[in-house]
Amino acid sequence: DLLLPALIAIMRERREFLKLSQNDLGMASGIHRSYIGDFESAKRNISVKNLSRLAVGLETTSSKLLRMAEQRVADPSAKISMAALDNK
């Protein structure tokens, strides 16, 4: 399945766009840095609850993250604006 790797990439790109370390994101979301590291390296799956918590830390919504990941799967060469994930 290509959705999980796409979601991992989108979330990492968003974290880097916001200039957050894994530790910063962990503090903002209430999730330990090691969990984020394991998720970003595809060693761990993510629950809906943790996706929602990480989305808050990434200043977006879980639905926007999933939508962007689905777009990445549909067209891997498409440019995705991290600013489009901003909570408005």
C-alpha atoms as a PDB file:
ATOM      1  CA  ASP A   1       0.000   0.000   0.000  1.00  0.00           C
ATOM      2  CA  LEU A   2       1.365   3.387  -0.986  1.00  0.00           C
ATOM      3  CA  LEU A   3      -0.797   5.545   1.284  1.00  0.00           C
ATOM      4  CA  LEU A   4       1.226   5.083   4.479  1.00  0.00           C
ATOM      5  CA  PRO A   5       4.597   5.978   2.899  1.00  0.00           C
ATOM      6  CA  ALA A   6       2.959   9.001   1.253  1.00  0.00           C
ATOM      7  CA  LEU A   7       1.468  10.076   4.591  1.00  0.00           C
ATOM      8  CA  ILE A   8       4.844   9.701   6.291  1.00  0.00           C
ATOM      9  CA  ALA A   9       6.484  11.855   3.623  1.00  0.00           C
ATOM     10  CA  ILE A  10       3.781  14.544   3.791  1.00  0.00           C
ATOM     11  CA  MET A  11       3.997  14.725   7.581  1.00  0.00           C
ATOM     12  CA  ARG A  12       7.806  14.913   7.541  1.00  0.00           C
ATOM     13  CA  GLU A  13       7.734  17.605   4.858  1.00  0.00           C
ATOM     14  CA  ARG A  14       5.170  19.587   6.865  1.00  0.00           C
ATOM     15  CA  ARG A  15       7.267  19.283  10.042  1.00  0.00           C
ATOM     16  CA  GLU A  16      10.338  20.505   8.180  1.00  0.00           C
ATOM     17  CA  PHE A  17       8.328  23.298   6.508  1.00  0.00           C
ATOM     18  CA  LEU A  18       7.359  24.507   9.995  1.00  0.00           C
ATOM     19  CA  LYS A  19      11.016  24.151  11.077  1.00  0.00           C
ATOM     20  CA  LEU A  20      10.060  21.760  13.867  1.00  0.00           C
ATOM     21  CA  SER A  21      12.333  19.052  15.185  1.00  0.00           C
ATOM     22  CA  GLN A  22      10.810  15.716  16.104  1.00  0.00           C
ATOM     23  CA  ASN A  23      11.151  16.803  19.720  1.00  0.00           C
ATOM     24  CA  ASP A  24       9.325  20.100  19.032  1.00  0.00           C
ATOM     25  CA  LEU A  25       6.507  18.213  17.323  1.00  0.00           C
ATOM     26  CA  GLY A  26       6.359  15.770  20.194  1.00  0.00           C
ATOM     27  CA  MET A  27       5.983  18.575  22.700  1.00  0.00           C
ATOM     28  CA  ALA A  28       3.304  20.287  20.576  1.00  0.00           C
ATOM     29  CA  SER A  29       1.319  17.077  20.092  1.00  0.00           C
ATOM     30  CA  GLY A  30       1.916  15.265  23.375  1.00  0.00           C
ATOM     31  CA  ILE A  31       3.558  12.336  21.578  1.00  0.00           C
ATOM     32  CA  HIS A  32       7.056  11.145  22.473  1.00  0.00           C
ATOM     33  CA  ARG A  33       9.855  12.011  20.065  1.00  0.00           C
ATOM     34  CA  SER A  34      10.818   8.364  19.668  1.00  0.00           C
ATOM     35  CA  TYR A  35       7.302   7.484  18.446  1.00  0.00           C
ATOM     36  CA  ILE A  36       7.566  10.233  15.820  1.00  0.00           C
ATOM     37  CA  GLY A  37      11.004   8.990  14.778  1.00  0.00           C
ATOM     38  CA  ASP A  38       9.750   5.418  14.514  1.00  0.00           C
ATOM     39  CA  PHE A  39       6.746   6.554  12.472  1.00  0.00           C
ATOM     40  CA  GLU A  40       8.849   8.693  10.136  1.00  0.00           C
ATOM     41  CA  SER A  41      11.211   5.778   9.530  1.00  0.00           C
ATOM     42  CA  ALA A  42       8.239   3.442   8.870  1.00  0.00           C
ATOM     43  CA  LYS A  43       9.021   1.272  11.898  1.00  0.00           C
ATOM     44  CA  ARG A  44       5.618   1.999  13.418  1.00  0.00           C
ATOM     45  CA  ASN A  45       2.086   2.394  12.117  1.00  0.00           C
ATOM     46  CA  ILE A  46      -0.110   5.284  13.230  1.00  0.00           C
ATOM     47  CA  SER A  47      -3.492   5.242  14.921  1.00  0.00           C
ATOM     48  CA  VAL A  48      -6.261   7.681  14.053  1.00  0.00           C
ATOM     49  CA  LYS A  49      -5.899   9.164  17.544  1.00  0.00           C
ATOM     50  CA  ASN A  50      -2.178   9.837  17.099  1.00  0.00           C
ATOM     51  CA  LEU A  51      -2.699  11.113  13.552  1.00  0.00           C
ATOM     52  CA  SER A  52      -5.133  13.659  14.960  1.00  0.00           C
ATOM     53  CA  ARG A  53      -2.723  14.668  17.745  1.00  0.00           C
ATOM     54  CA  LEU A  54       0.188  15.031  15.318  1.00  0.00           C
ATOM     55  CA  ALA A  55      -1.985  17.059  12.942  1.00  0.00           C
ATOM     56  CA  VAL A  56      -2.593  19.566  15.742  1.00  0.00           C
ATOM     57  CA  GLY A  57       1.155  19.817  16.294  1.00  0.00           C
ATOM     58  CA  LEU A  58       1.603  20.328  12.547  1.00  0.00           C
ATOM     59  CA  GLU A  59      -1.014  23.102  12.607  1.00  0.00           C
ATOM     60  CA  THR A  60      -3.364  21.298  10.242  1.00  0.00           C
ATOM     61  CA  THR A  61      -6.040  18.610  10.269  1.00  0.00           C
ATOM     62  CA  SER A  62      -5.789  14.870   9.836  1.00  0.00           C
ATOM     63  CA  SER A  63      -8.176  15.077   6.874  1.00  0.00           C
ATOM     64  CA  LYS A  64      -5.881  17.541   5.076  1.00  0.00           C
ATOM     65  CA  LEU A  65      -2.868  15.322   5.707  1.00  0.00           C
ATOM     66  CA  LEU A  66      -4.690  12.276   4.348  1.00  0.00           C
ATOM     67  CA  ARG A  67      -5.981  14.224   1.330  1.00  0.00           C
ATOM     68  CA  MET A  68      -2.452  15.359   0.467  1.00  0.00           C
ATOM     69  CA  ALA A  69      -1.135  11.812   0.901  1.00  0.00           C
ATOM     70  CA  GLU A  70      -3.847  10.517  -1.442  1.00  0.00           C
ATOM     71  CA  GLN A  71      -2.867  13.177  -3.990  1.00  0.00           C
ATOM     72  CA  ARG A  72       0.770  12.094  -3.706  1.00  0.00           C
ATOM     73  CA  VAL A  73      -0.230   8.469  -4.352  1.00  0.00           C
ATOM     74  CA  ALA A  74      -2.355   9.461  -7.356  1.00  0.00           C
ATOM     75  CA  ASP A  75       0.383  11.630  -8.869  1.00  0.00           C
ATOM     76  CA  PRO A  76       3.821  11.135  -7.283  1.00  0.00           C
ATOM     77  CA  SER A  77       5.381  13.870  -9.446  1.00  0.00           C
ATOM     78  CA  ALA A  78       2.878  16.572  -8.423  1.00  0.00           C
ATOM     79  CA  LYS A  79       4.203  19.416  -6.294  1.00  0.00           C
ATOM     80  CA  ILE A  80       2.316  19.742  -3.021  1.00  0.00           C
ATOM     81  CA  SER A  81       2.344  23.065  -1.225  1.00  0.00           C
ATOM     82  CA  MET A  82       2.934  22.653   2.482  1.00  0.00           C
ATOM     83  CA  ALA A  83       1.270  26.056   2.982  1.00  0.00           C
ATOM     84  CA  ALA A  84      -1.945  24.485   1.639  1.00  0.00           C
ATOM     85  CA  LEU A  85      -2.069  22.458   4.861  1.00  0.00           C
ATOM     86  CA  ASP A  86      -2.330  25.554   7.067  1.00  0.00           C
ATOM     87  CA  ASN A  87      -5.301  25.641   9.429  1.00  0.00           C
ATOM     88  CA  LYS A  88      -7.528  28.502   8.350  1.00  0.00           C
END
